[in-house]
Amino acid sequence: MQKYDPDPNTVELEFPEDKPLKVTIYGQEFPLKGKDPEFILKVADFVNEKMMEVGANMPGTTTIDKVAIIAALNIAGELFQLKQDNQSIEEYIQSHSESLIKCIDDRLNIT
């Protein structure tokens, strides 16, 4: 079995495919590999939009590194907020499910 040796200049999303998909993010081209090209394009477009948004709001000339870091922080902030929201929803569902189960059990035990 041949060992998979990834190209160090290619970012992999999911599983490797034969040919990388070239995407442009903040004016730079990147070869990306993955099993779902549509997903890769959506992710790349999302990152590009975030970087363009950050770049447009930065004063003066800003390096791409700073734009990328601020965009990454913004994306991470959104991710953490969504995880927190998801946790709250899960706790709400768990609590109400337990209440409903208790209510059903109580009704079944009455009859």
PDB file of N, CA and C in Angstrom:
ATOM      1  N   MET A   1       0.841  -1.180   0.000  1.00  0.00           N
ATOM      2  CA  MET A   1       0.000   0.000   0.000  1.00  0.00           C
ATOM      3  C   MET A   1       0.882   1.238   0.000  1.00  0.00           C
ATOM      4  N   GLN A   2       0.615   2.149  -0.921  1.00  0.00           N
ATOM      5  CA  GLN A   2       1.410   3.359  -1.050  1.00  0.00           C
ATOM      6  C   GLN A   2       1.009   4.380   0.008  1.00  0.00           C
ATOM      7  N   LYS A   3       2.007   4.974   0.664  1.00  0.00           N
ATOM      8  CA  LYS A   3       1.751   5.982   1.688  1.00  0.00           C
ATOM      9  C   LYS A   3       1.331   7.286   1.022  1.00  0.00           C
ATOM     10  N   TYR A   4       0.286   7.910   1.557  1.00  0.00           N
ATOM     11  CA  TYR A   4      -0.184   9.187   1.023  1.00  0.00           C
ATOM     12  C   TYR A   4       0.739  10.293   1.511  1.00  0.00           C
ATOM     13  N   ASP A   5       1.321  11.041   0.587  1.00  0.00           N
ATOM     14  CA  ASP A   5       2.228  12.135   0.915  1.00  0.00           C
ATOM     15  C   ASP A   5       1.617  13.431   0.380  1.00  0.00           C
ATOM     16  N   PRO A   6       0.953  14.207   1.253  1.00  0.00           N
ATOM     17  CA  PRO A   6       0.269  15.411   0.781  1.00  0.00           C
ATOM     18  C   PRO A   6       1.244  16.510   0.370  1.00  0.00           C
ATOM     19  N   ASP A   7       0.797  17.310  -0.561  1.00  0.00           N
ATOM     20  CA  ASP A   7       1.546  18.493  -0.985  1.00  0.00           C
ATOM     21  C   ASP A   7       1.493  19.502   0.156  1.00  0.00           C
ATOM     22  N   PRO A   8       2.637  19.969   0.660  1.00  0.00           N
ATOM     23  CA  PRO A   8       2.616  20.900   1.796  1.00  0.00           C
ATOM     24  C   PRO A   8       1.969  22.240   1.470  1.00  0.00           C
ATOM     25  N   ASN A   9       1.769  22.548   0.197  1.00  0.00           N
ATOM     26  CA  ASN A   9       1.137  23.806  -0.203  1.00  0.00           C
ATOM     27  C   ASN A   9      -0.360  23.666  -0.432  1.00  0.00           C
ATOM     28  N   THR A  10      -0.893  22.483  -0.175  1.00  0.00           N
ATOM     29  CA  THR A  10      -2.310  22.230  -0.389  1.00  0.00           C
ATOM     30  C   THR A  10      -2.991  21.984   0.944  1.00  0.00           C
ATOM     31  N   VAL A  11      -4.090  22.677   1.160  1.00  0.00           N
ATOM     32  CA  VAL A  11      -4.883  22.478   2.365  1.00  0.00           C
ATOM     33  C   VAL A  11      -5.906  21.400   2.057  1.00  0.00           C
ATOM     34  N   GLU A  12      -6.036  20.424   2.950  1.00  0.00           N
ATOM     35  CA  GLU A  12      -7.003  19.358   2.732  1.00  0.00           C
ATOM     36  C   GLU A  12      -8.226  19.544   3.592  1.00  0.00           C
ATOM     37  N   LEU A  13      -9.391  19.447   2.980  1.00  0.00           N
ATOM     38  CA  LEU A  13     -10.656  19.430   3.682  1.00  0.00           C
ATOM     39  C   LEU A  13     -11.234  18.047   3.448  1.00  0.00           C
ATOM     40  N   GLU A  14     -11.363  17.273   4.496  1.00  0.00           N
ATOM     41  CA  GLU A  14     -11.897  15.919   4.427  1.00  0.00           C
ATOM     42  C   GLU A  14     -10.877  14.961   3.824  1.00  0.00           C
ATOM     43  N   PHE A  15     -11.223  14.279   2.732  1.00  0.00           N
ATOM     44  CA  PHE A  15     -10.386  13.242   2.173  1.00  0.00           C
ATOM     45  C   PHE A  15      -9.718  13.708   0.882  1.00  0.00           C
ATOM     46  N   PRO A  16      -8.510  13.189   0.601  1.00  0.00           N
ATOM     47  CA  PRO A  16      -7.806  13.634  -0.608  1.00  0.00           C
ATOM     48  C   PRO A  16      -8.474  13.148  -1.885  1.00  0.00           C
ATOM     49  N   GLU A  17      -8.445  13.978  -2.873  1.00  0.00           N
ATOM     50  CA  GLU A  17      -8.908  13.629  -4.209  1.00  0.00           C
ATOM     51  C   GLU A  17      -7.688  13.698  -5.133  1.00  0.00           C
ATOM     52  N   ASP A  18      -7.865  13.333  -6.373  1.00  0.00           N
ATOM     53  CA  ASP A  18      -6.749  13.310  -7.304  1.00  0.00           C
ATOM     54  C   ASP A  18      -6.207  14.704  -7.620  1.00  0.00           C
ATOM     55  N   LYS A  19      -7.096  15.651  -7.841  1.00  0.00           N
ATOM     56  CA  LYS A  19      -6.676  16.951  -8.327  1.00  0.00           C
ATOM     57  C   LYS A  19      -7.197  18.057  -7.414  1.00  0.00           C
ATOM     58  N   PRO A  20      -6.321  19.001  -7.007  1.00  0.00           N
ATOM     59  CA  PRO A  20      -6.800  20.086  -6.149  1.00  0.00           C
ATOM     60  C   PRO A  20      -7.664  21.079  -6.918  1.00  0.00           C
ATOM     61  N   LEU A  21      -8.566  21.694  -6.188  1.00  0.00           N
ATOM     62  CA  LEU A  21      -9.425  22.740  -6.732  1.00  0.00           C
ATOM     63  C   LEU A  21      -8.767  24.061  -6.405  1.00  0.00           C
ATOM     64  N   LYS A  22      -8.596  24.917  -7.387  1.00  0.00           N
ATOM     65  CA  LYS A  22      -7.955  26.206  -7.131  1.00  0.00           C
ATOM     66  C   LYS A  22      -9.015  27.240  -6.769  1.00  0.00           C
ATOM     67  N   VAL A  23      -8.792  27.886  -5.626  1.00  0.00           N
ATOM     68  CA  VAL A  23      -9.699  28.935  -5.165  1.00  0.00           C
ATOM     69  C   VAL A  23      -8.888  30.198  -4.907  1.00  0.00           C
ATOM     70  N   THR A  24      -9.564  31.333  -4.979  1.00  0.00           N
ATOM     71  CA  THR A  24      -8.904  32.600  -4.714  1.00  0.00           C
ATOM     72  C   THR A  24      -9.474  33.184  -3.429  1.00  0.00           C
ATOM     73  N   ILE A  25      -8.567  33.463  -2.501  1.00  0.00           N
ATOM     74  CA  ILE A  25      -8.948  34.058  -1.224  1.00  0.00           C
ATOM     75  C   ILE A  25      -8.100  35.301  -1.031  1.00  0.00           C
ATOM     76  N   TYR A  26      -8.765  36.413  -0.943  1.00  0.00           N
ATOM     77  CA  TYR A  26      -8.118  37.701  -0.721  1.00  0.00           C
ATOM     78  C   TYR A  26      -7.025  37.961  -1.763  1.00  0.00           C
ATOM     79  N   GLY A  27      -7.360  37.611  -3.012  1.00  0.00           N
ATOM     80  CA  GLY A  27      -6.456  37.874  -4.125  1.00  0.00           C
ATOM     81  C   GLY A  27      -5.341  36.869  -4.308  1.00  0.00           C
ATOM     82  N   GLN A  28      -5.308  35.842  -3.483  1.00  0.00           N
ATOM     83  CA  GLN A  28      -4.273  34.820  -3.610  1.00  0.00           C
ATOM     84  C   GLN A  28      -4.909  33.483  -3.956  1.00  0.00           C
ATOM     85  N   GLU A  29      -4.246  32.749  -4.830  1.00  0.00           N
ATOM     86  CA  GLU A  29      -4.770  31.454  -5.259  1.00  0.00           C
ATOM     87  C   GLU A  29      -4.241  30.344  -4.361  1.00  0.00           C
ATOM     88  N   PHE A  30      -5.159  29.431  -3.980  1.00  0.00           N
ATOM     89  CA  PHE A  30      -4.804  28.298  -3.135  1.00  0.00           C
ATOM     90  C   PHE A  30      -5.357  27.017  -3.749  1.00  0.00           C
ATOM     91  N   PRO A  31      -4.535  25.953  -3.827  1.00  0.00           N
ATOM     92  CA  PRO A  31      -5.058  24.650  -4.246  1.00  0.00           C
ATOM     93  C   PRO A  31      -5.631  23.929  -3.015  1.00  0.00           C
ATOM     94  N   LEU A  32      -6.888  23.537  -3.085  1.00  0.00           N
ATOM     95  CA  LEU A  32      -7.531  22.834  -1.970  1.00  0.00           C
ATOM     96  C   LEU A  32      -8.010  21.474  -2.446  1.00  0.00           C
ATOM     97  N   LYS A  33      -7.892  20.484  -1.583  1.00  0.00           N
ATOM     98  CA  LYS A  33      -8.360  19.142  -1.902  1.00  0.00           C
ATOM     99  C   LYS A  33      -9.469  18.752  -0.943  1.00  0.00           C
ATOM    100  N   GLY A  34     -10.395  17.943  -1.435  1.00  0.00           N
ATOM    101  CA  GLY A  34     -11.465  17.424  -0.603  1.00  0.00           C
ATOM    102  C   GLY A  34     -12.422  16.609  -1.428  1.00  0.00           C
ATOM    103  N   LYS A  35     -13.334  15.938  -0.724  1.00  0.00           N
ATOM    104  CA  LYS A  35     -14.254  15.060  -1.450  1.00  0.00           C
ATOM    105  C   LYS A  35     -15.475  15.797  -1.982  1.00  0.00           C
ATOM    106  N   ASP A  36     -15.716  17.034  -1.532  1.00  0.00           N
ATOM    107  CA  ASP A  36     -16.899  17.778  -1.954  1.00  0.00           C
ATOM    108  C   ASP A  36     -16.495  19.158  -2.483  1.00  0.00           C
ATOM    109  N   PRO A  37     -16.299  19.281  -3.794  1.00  0.00           N
ATOM    110  CA  PRO A  37     -15.861  20.560  -4.367  1.00  0.00           C
ATOM    111  C   PRO A  37     -16.813  21.724  -4.050  1.00  0.00           C
ATOM    112  N   GLU A  38     -18.093  21.454  -3.993  1.00  0.00           N
ATOM    113  CA  GLU A  38     -19.061  22.513  -3.675  1.00  0.00           C
ATOM    114  C   GLU A  38     -18.834  23.041  -2.252  1.00  0.00           C
ATOM    115  N   PHE A  39     -18.568  22.137  -1.329  1.00  0.00           N
ATOM    116  CA  PHE A  39     -18.278  22.525   0.051  1.00  0.00           C
ATOM    117  C   PHE A  39     -16.992  23.346   0.112  1.00  0.00           C
ATOM    118  N   ILE A  40     -15.971  22.909  -0.605  1.00  0.00           N
ATOM    119  CA  ILE A  40     -14.702  23.633  -0.640  1.00  0.00           C
ATOM    120  C   ILE A  40     -14.929  25.062  -1.129  1.00  0.00           C
ATOM    121  N   LEU A  41     -15.706  25.205  -2.193  1.00  0.00           N
ATOM    122  CA  LEU A  41     -15.972  26.547  -2.732  1.00  0.00           C
ATOM    123  C   LEU A  41     -16.741  27.408  -1.742  1.00  0.00           C
ATOM    124  N   LYS A  42     -17.703  26.818  -1.047  1.00  0.00           N
ATOM    125  CA  LYS A  42     -18.459  27.574  -0.044  1.00  0.00           C
ATOM    126  C   LYS A  42     -17.554  28.053   1.088  1.00  0.00           C
ATOM    127  N   VAL A  43     -16.679  27.167   1.573  1.00  0.00           N
ATOM    128  CA  VAL A  43     -15.758  27.528   2.652  1.00  0.00           C
ATOM    129  C   VAL A  43     -14.805  28.615   2.179  1.00  0.00           C
ATOM    130  N   ALA A  44     -14.249  28.436   0.995  1.00  0.00           N
ATOM    131  CA  ALA A  44     -13.316  29.430   0.454  1.00  0.00           C
ATOM    132  C   ALA A  44     -14.007  30.779   0.259  1.00  0.00           C
ATOM    133  N   ASP A  45     -15.217  30.770  -0.262  1.00  0.00           N
ATOM    134  CA  ASP A  45     -15.974  32.019  -0.442  1.00  0.00           C
ATOM    135  C   ASP A  45     -16.247  32.690   0.899  1.00  0.00           C
ATOM    136  N   PHE A  46     -16.584  31.892   1.895  1.00  0.00           N
ATOM    137  CA  PHE A  46     -16.849  32.428   3.229  1.00  0.00           C
ATOM    138  C   PHE A  46     -15.608  33.111   3.795  1.00  0.00           C
ATOM    139  N   VAL A  47     -14.469  32.425   3.709  1.00  0.00           N
ATOM    140  CA  VAL A  47     -13.216  32.986   4.222  1.00  0.00           C
ATOM    141  C   VAL A  47     -12.843  34.239   3.433  1.00  0.00           C
ATOM    142  N   ASN A  48     -13.009  34.197   2.121  1.00  0.00           N
ATOM    143  CA  ASN A  48     -12.707  35.364   1.291  1.00  0.00           C
ATOM    144  C   ASN A  48     -13.574  36.556   1.693  1.00  0.00           C
ATOM    145  N   GLU A  49     -14.868  36.315   1.876  1.00  0.00           N
ATOM    146  CA  GLU A  49     -15.775  37.397   2.286  1.00  0.00           C
ATOM    147  C   GLU A  49     -15.358  37.991   3.628  1.00  0.00           C
ATOM    148  N   LYS A  50     -15.002  37.129   4.571  1.00  0.00           N
ATOM    149  CA  LYS A  50     -14.582  37.610   5.890  1.00  0.00           C
ATOM    150  C   LYS A  50     -13.302  38.439   5.786  1.00  0.00           C
ATOM    151  N   MET A  51     -12.367  37.975   4.980  1.00  0.00           N
ATOM    152  CA  MET A  51     -11.122  38.726   4.835  1.00  0.00           C
ATOM    153  C   MET A  51     -11.352  40.046   4.110  1.00  0.00           C
ATOM    154  N   MET A  52     -12.203  40.053   3.099  1.00  0.00           N
ATOM    155  CA  MET A  52     -12.520  41.292   2.383  1.00  0.00           C
ATOM    156  C   MET A  52     -13.195  42.290   3.327  1.00  0.00           C
ATOM    157  N   GLU A  53     -14.085  41.796   4.152  1.00  0.00           N
ATOM    158  CA  GLU A  53     -14.783  42.626   5.129  1.00  0.00           C
ATOM    159  C   GLU A  53     -13.785  43.244   6.114  1.00  0.00           C
ATOM    160  N   VAL A  54     -12.888  42.429   6.626  1.00  0.00           N
ATOM    161  CA  VAL A  54     -11.873  42.922   7.563  1.00  0.00           C
ATOM    162  C   VAL A  54     -10.960  43.927   6.868  1.00  0.00           C
ATOM    163  N   GLY A  55     -10.474  43.570   5.682  1.00  0.00           N
ATOM    164  CA  GLY A  55      -9.570  44.446   4.940  1.00  0.00           C
ATOM    165  C   GLY A  55     -10.181  45.801   4.637  1.00  0.00           C
ATOM    166  N   ALA A  56     -11.475  45.808   4.337  1.00  0.00           N
ATOM    167  CA  ALA A  56     -12.168  47.060   4.021  1.00  0.00           C
ATOM    168  C   ALA A  56     -12.313  47.950   5.254  1.00  0.00           C
ATOM    169  N   ASN A  57     -12.303  47.355   6.437  1.00  0.00           N
ATOM    170  CA  ASN A  57     -12.495  48.113   7.667  1.00  0.00           C
ATOM    171  C   ASN A  57     -11.198  48.427   8.418  1.00  0.00           C
ATOM    172  N   MET A  58     -10.070  47.985   7.879  1.00  0.00           N
ATOM    173  CA  MET A  58      -8.787  48.256   8.524  1.00  0.00           C
ATOM    174  C   MET A  58      -8.259  49.600   8.028  1.00  0.00           C
ATOM    175  N   PRO A  59      -7.732  50.405   8.937  1.00  0.00           N
ATOM    176  CA  PRO A  59      -7.206  51.711   8.522  1.00  0.00           C
ATOM    177  C   PRO A  59      -5.885  51.582   7.759  1.00  0.00           C
ATOM    178  N   GLY A  60      -5.743  52.372   6.721  1.00  0.00           N
ATOM    179  CA  GLY A  60      -4.487  52.417   5.969  1.00  0.00           C
ATOM    180  C   GLY A  60      -4.133  51.099   5.321  1.00  0.00           C
ATOM    181  N   THR A  61      -2.840  50.914   5.120  1.00  0.00           N
ATOM    182  CA  THR A  61      -2.349  49.685   4.512  1.00  0.00           C
ATOM    183  C   THR A  61      -2.099  48.662   5.608  1.00  0.00           C
ATOM    184  N   THR A  62      -2.710  47.512   5.455  1.00  0.00           N
ATOM    185  CA  THR A  62      -2.574  46.455   6.449  1.00  0.00           C
ATOM    186  C   THR A  62      -2.038  45.209   5.761  1.00  0.00           C
ATOM    187  N   THR A  63      -1.162  44.492   6.445  1.00  0.00           N
ATOM    188  CA  THR A  63      -0.601  43.274   5.849  1.00  0.00           C
ATOM    189  C   THR A  63      -1.667  42.188   5.786  1.00  0.00           C
ATOM    190  N   ILE A  64      -1.469  41.294   4.849  1.00  0.00           N
ATOM    191  CA  ILE A  64      -2.411  40.184   4.697  1.00  0.00           C
ATOM    192  C   ILE A  64      -2.430  39.318   5.951  1.00  0.00           C
ATOM    193  N   ASP A  65      -1.291  39.236   6.641  1.00  0.00           N
ATOM    194  CA  ASP A  65      -1.233  38.455   7.873  1.00  0.00           C
ATOM    195  C   ASP A  65      -2.201  39.001   8.920  1.00  0.00           C
ATOM    196  N   LYS A  66      -2.199  40.315   9.088  1.00  0.00           N
ATOM    197  CA  LYS A  66      -3.097  40.925  10.066  1.00  0.00           C
ATOM    198  C   LYS A  66      -4.554  40.742   9.660  1.00  0.00           C
ATOM    199  N   VAL A  67      -4.836  40.903   8.385  1.00  0.00           N
ATOM    200  CA  VAL A  67      -6.200  40.701   7.897  1.00  0.00           C
ATOM    201  C   VAL A  67      -6.634  39.266   8.156  1.00  0.00           C
ATOM    202  N   ALA A  68      -5.746  38.306   7.866  1.00  0.00           N
ATOM    203  CA  ALA A  68      -6.069  36.887   8.062  1.00  0.00           C
ATOM    204  C   ALA A  68      -6.304  36.576   9.539  1.00  0.00           C
ATOM    205  N   ILE A  69      -5.477  37.146  10.410  1.00  0.00           N
ATOM    206  CA  ILE A  69      -5.630  36.875  11.845  1.00  0.00           C
ATOM    207  C   ILE A  69      -6.924  37.463  12.378  1.00  0.00           C
ATOM    208  N   ILE A  70      -7.236  38.699  11.996  1.00  0.00           N
ATOM    209  CA  ILE A  70      -8.490  39.317  12.449  1.00  0.00           C
ATOM    210  C   ILE A  70      -9.682  38.544  11.892  1.00  0.00           C
ATOM    211  N   ALA A  71      -9.609  38.135  10.615  1.00  0.00           N
ATOM    212  CA  ALA A  71     -10.699  37.345  10.023  1.00  0.00           C
ATOM    213  C   ALA A  71     -10.838  36.011  10.761  1.00  0.00           C
ATOM    214  N   ALA A  72      -9.711  35.369  11.076  1.00  0.00           N
ATOM    215  CA  ALA A  72      -9.751  34.089  11.809  1.00  0.00           C
ATOM    216  C   ALA A  72     -10.372  34.284  13.183  1.00  0.00           C
ATOM    217  N   LEU A  73     -10.023  35.377  13.855  1.00  0.00           N
ATOM    218  CA  LEU A  73     -10.616  35.659  15.165  1.00  0.00           C
ATOM    219  C   LEU A  73     -12.127  35.890  15.047  1.00  0.00           C
ATOM    220  N   ASN A  74     -12.542  36.608  14.011  1.00  0.00           N
ATOM    221  CA  ASN A  74     -13.978  36.832  13.797  1.00  0.00           C
ATOM    222  C   ASN A  74     -14.710  35.517  13.527  1.00  0.00           C
ATOM    223  N   ILE A  75     -14.120  34.681  12.689  1.00  0.00           N
ATOM    224  CA  ILE A  75     -14.731  33.382  12.381  1.00  0.00           C
ATOM    225  C   ILE A  75     -14.775  32.512  13.632  1.00  0.00           C
ATOM    226  N   ALA A  76     -13.680  32.498  14.397  1.00  0.00           N
ATOM    227  CA  ALA A  76     -13.651  31.719  15.639  1.00  0.00           C
ATOM    228  C   ALA A  76     -14.692  32.242  16.623  1.00  0.00           C
ATOM    229  N   GLY A  77     -14.846  33.559  16.697  1.00  0.00           N
ATOM    230  CA  GLY A  77     -15.865  34.146  17.567  1.00  0.00           C
ATOM    231  C   GLY A  77     -17.262  33.698  17.181  1.00  0.00           C
ATOM    232  N   GLU A  78     -17.536  33.675  15.869  1.00  0.00           N
ATOM    233  CA  GLU A  78     -18.840  33.194  15.388  1.00  0.00           C
ATOM    234  C   GLU A  78     -19.033  31.722  15.733  1.00  0.00           C
ATOM    235  N   LEU A  79     -17.986  30.937  15.547  1.00  0.00           N
ATOM    236  CA  LEU A  79     -18.062  29.510  15.856  1.00  0.00           C
ATOM    237  C   LEU A  79     -18.348  29.287  17.340  1.00  0.00           C
ATOM    238  N   PHE A  80     -17.621  29.978  18.212  1.00  0.00           N
ATOM    239  CA  PHE A  80     -17.833  29.832  19.651  1.00  0.00           C
ATOM    240  C   PHE A  80     -19.236  30.272  20.045  1.00  0.00           C
ATOM    241  N   GLN A  81     -19.743  31.346  19.432  1.00  0.00           N
ATOM    242  CA  GLN A  81     -21.098  31.807  19.732  1.00  0.00           C
ATOM    243  C   GLN A  81     -22.127  30.765  19.305  1.00  0.00           C
ATOM    244  N   LEU A  82     -21.935  30.180  18.125  1.00  0.00           N
ATOM    245  CA  LEU A  82     -22.852  29.140  17.649  1.00  0.00           C
ATOM    246  C   LEU A  82     -22.805  27.903  18.540  1.00  0.00           C
ATOM    247  N   LYS A  83     -21.599  27.547  18.998  1.00  0.00           N
ATOM    248  CA  LYS A  83     -21.485  26.404  19.909  1.00  0.00           C
ATOM    249  C   LYS A  83     -22.198  26.687  21.219  1.00  0.00           C
ATOM    250  N   GLN A  84     -22.049  27.899  21.720  1.00  0.00           N
ATOM    251  CA  GLN A  84     -22.716  28.280  22.965  1.00  0.00           C
ATOM    252  C   GLN A  84     -24.235  28.271  22.774  1.00  0.00           C
ATOM    253  N   ASP A  85     -24.697  28.814  21.656  1.00  0.00           N
ATOM    254  CA  ASP A  85     -26.135  28.804  21.363  1.00  0.00           C
ATOM    255  C   ASP A  85     -26.651  27.377  21.252  1.00  0.00           C
ATOM    256  N   ASN A  86     -25.878  26.518  20.578  1.00  0.00           N
ATOM    257  CA  ASN A  86     -26.257  25.120  20.421  1.00  0.00           C
ATOM    258  C   ASN A  86     -26.343  24.423  21.774  1.00  0.00           C
ATOM    259  N   GLN A  87     -25.380  24.697  22.659  1.00  0.00           N
ATOM    260  CA  GLN A  87     -25.381  24.115  23.998  1.00  0.00           C
ATOM    261  C   GLN A  87     -26.628  24.541  24.759  1.00  0.00           C
ATOM    262  N   SER A  88     -26.983  25.823  24.660  1.00  0.00           N
ATOM    263  CA  SER A  88     -28.184  26.325  25.336  1.00  0.00           C
ATOM    264  C   SER A  88     -29.438  25.639  24.804  1.00  0.00           C
ATOM    265  N   ILE A  89     -29.504  25.449  23.503  1.00  0.00           N
ATOM    266  CA  ILE A  89     -30.660  24.781  22.890  1.00  0.00           C
ATOM    267  C   ILE A  89     -30.723  23.328  23.347  1.00  0.00           C
ATOM    268  N   GLU A  90     -29.576  22.654  23.385  1.00  0.00           N
ATOM    269  CA  GLU A  90     -29.544  21.257  23.835  1.00  0.00           C
ATOM    270  C   GLU A  90     -30.011  21.151  25.288  1.00  0.00           C
ATOM    271  N   GLU A  91     -29.565  22.073  26.130  1.00  0.00           N
ATOM    272  CA  GLU A  91     -29.979  22.066  27.534  1.00  0.00           C
ATOM    273  C   GLU A  91     -31.479  22.324  27.652  1.00  0.00           C
ATOM    274  N   TYR A  92     -32.004  23.231  26.856  1.00  0.00           N
ATOM    275  CA  TYR A  92     -33.435  23.536  26.857  1.00  0.00           C
ATOM    276  C   TYR A  92     -34.234  22.295  26.428  1.00  0.00           C
ATOM    277  N   ILE A  93     -33.800  21.656  25.363  1.00  0.00           N
ATOM    278  CA  ILE A  93     -34.488  20.453  24.871  1.00  0.00           C
ATOM    279  C   ILE A  93     -34.419  19.342  25.907  1.00  0.00           C
ATOM    280  N   GLN A  94     -33.264  19.153  26.506  1.00  0.00           N
ATOM    281  CA  GLN A  94     -33.098  18.111  27.523  1.00  0.00           C
ATOM    282  C   GLN A  94     -34.038  18.359  28.694  1.00  0.00           C
ATOM    283  N   SER A  95     -34.061  19.602  29.167  1.00  0.00           N
ATOM    284  CA  SER A  95     -34.902  19.958  30.306  1.00  0.00           C
ATOM    285  C   SER A  95     -36.382  19.739  29.996  1.00  0.00           C
ATOM    286  N   HIS A  96     -36.815  20.202  28.835  1.00  0.00           N
ATOM    287  CA  HIS A  96     -38.223  20.053  28.483  1.00  0.00           C
ATOM    288  C   HIS A  96     -38.588  18.603  28.167  1.00  0.00           C
ATOM    289  N   SER A  97     -37.651  17.860  27.611  1.00  0.00           N
ATOM    290  CA  SER A  97     -37.903  16.441  27.350  1.00  0.00           C
ATOM    291  C   SER A  97     -38.113  15.703  28.663  1.00  0.00           C
ATOM    292  N   GLU A  98     -37.272  15.998  29.647  1.00  0.00           N
ATOM    293  CA  GLU A  98     -37.415  15.365  30.957  1.00  0.00           C
ATOM    294  C   GLU A  98     -38.750  15.732  31.602  1.00  0.00           C
ATOM    295  N   SER A  99     -39.158  16.994  31.459  1.00  0.00           N
ATOM    296  CA  SER A  99     -40.444  17.433  32.009  1.00  0.00           C
ATOM    297  C   SER A  99     -41.604  16.716  31.330  1.00  0.00           C
ATOM    298  N   LEU A 100     -41.524  16.578  30.012  1.00  0.00           N
ATOM    299  CA  LEU A 100     -42.585  15.884  29.276  1.00  0.00           C
ATOM    300  C   LEU A 100     -42.644  14.402  29.649  1.00  0.00           C
ATOM    301  N   ILE A 101     -41.487  13.790  29.777  1.00  0.00           N
ATOM    302  CA  ILE A 101     -41.449  12.378  30.168  1.00  0.00           C
ATOM    303  C   ILE A 101     -42.061  12.200  31.552  1.00  0.00           C
ATOM    304  N   LYS A 102     -41.719  13.093  32.480  1.00  0.00           N
ATOM    305  CA  LYS A 102     -42.285  13.020  33.833  1.00  0.00           C
ATOM    306  C   LYS A 102     -43.797  13.204  33.784  1.00  0.00           C
ATOM    307  N   CYS A 103     -44.255  14.154  32.989  1.00  0.00           N
ATOM    308  CA  CYS A 103     -45.700  14.409  32.855  1.00  0.00           C
ATOM    309  C   CYS A 103     -46.408  13.174  32.288  1.00  0.00           C
ATOM    310  N   ILE A 104     -45.830  12.568  31.272  1.00  0.00           N
ATOM    311  CA  ILE A 104     -46.423  11.362  30.668  1.00  0.00           C
ATOM    312  C   ILE A 104     -46.428  10.218  31.671  1.00  0.00           C
ATOM    313  N   ASP A 105     -45.308  10.036  32.366  1.00  0.00           N
ATOM    314  CA  ASP A 105     -45.231   8.982  33.380  1.00  0.00           C
ATOM    315  C   ASP A 105     -46.276   9.194  34.473  1.00  0.00           C
ATOM    316  N   ASP A 106     -46.420  10.450  34.918  1.00  0.00           N
ATOM    317  CA  ASP A 106     -47.412  10.758  35.947  1.00  0.00           C
ATOM    318  C   ASP A 106     -48.816  10.422  35.468  1.00  0.00           C
ATOM    319  N   ARG A 107     -49.124  10.758  34.217  1.00  0.00           N
ATOM    320  CA  ARG A 107     -50.456  10.475  33.660  1.00  0.00           C
ATOM    321  C   ARG A 107     -50.691   8.971  33.529  1.00  0.00           C
ATOM    322  N   LEU A 108     -49.667   8.257  33.119  1.00  0.00           N
ATOM    323  CA  LEU A 108     -49.813   6.819  32.974  1.00  0.00           C
ATOM    324  C   LEU A 108     -49.981   6.120  34.318  1.00  0.00           C
ATOM    325  N   ASN A 109     -49.351   6.665  35.330  1.00  0.00           N
ATOM    326  CA  ASN A 109     -49.447   6.071  36.669  1.00  0.00           C
ATOM    327  C   ASN A 109     -50.772   6.374  37.356  1.00  0.00           C
ATOM    328  N   ILE A 110     -51.478   7.426  36.905  1.00  0.00           N
ATOM    329  CA  ILE A 110     -52.781   7.785  37.495  1.00  0.00           C
ATOM    330  C   ILE A 110     -53.856   6.793  37.057  1.00  0.00           C
ATOM    331  N   THR A 111     -53.811   6.381  35.820  1.00  0.00           N
ATOM    332  CA  THR A 111     -54.868   5.500  35.301  1.00  0.00           C
ATOM    333  C   THR A 111     -54.610   4.046  35.540  1.00  0.00           C
TER     334      THR A 111
END
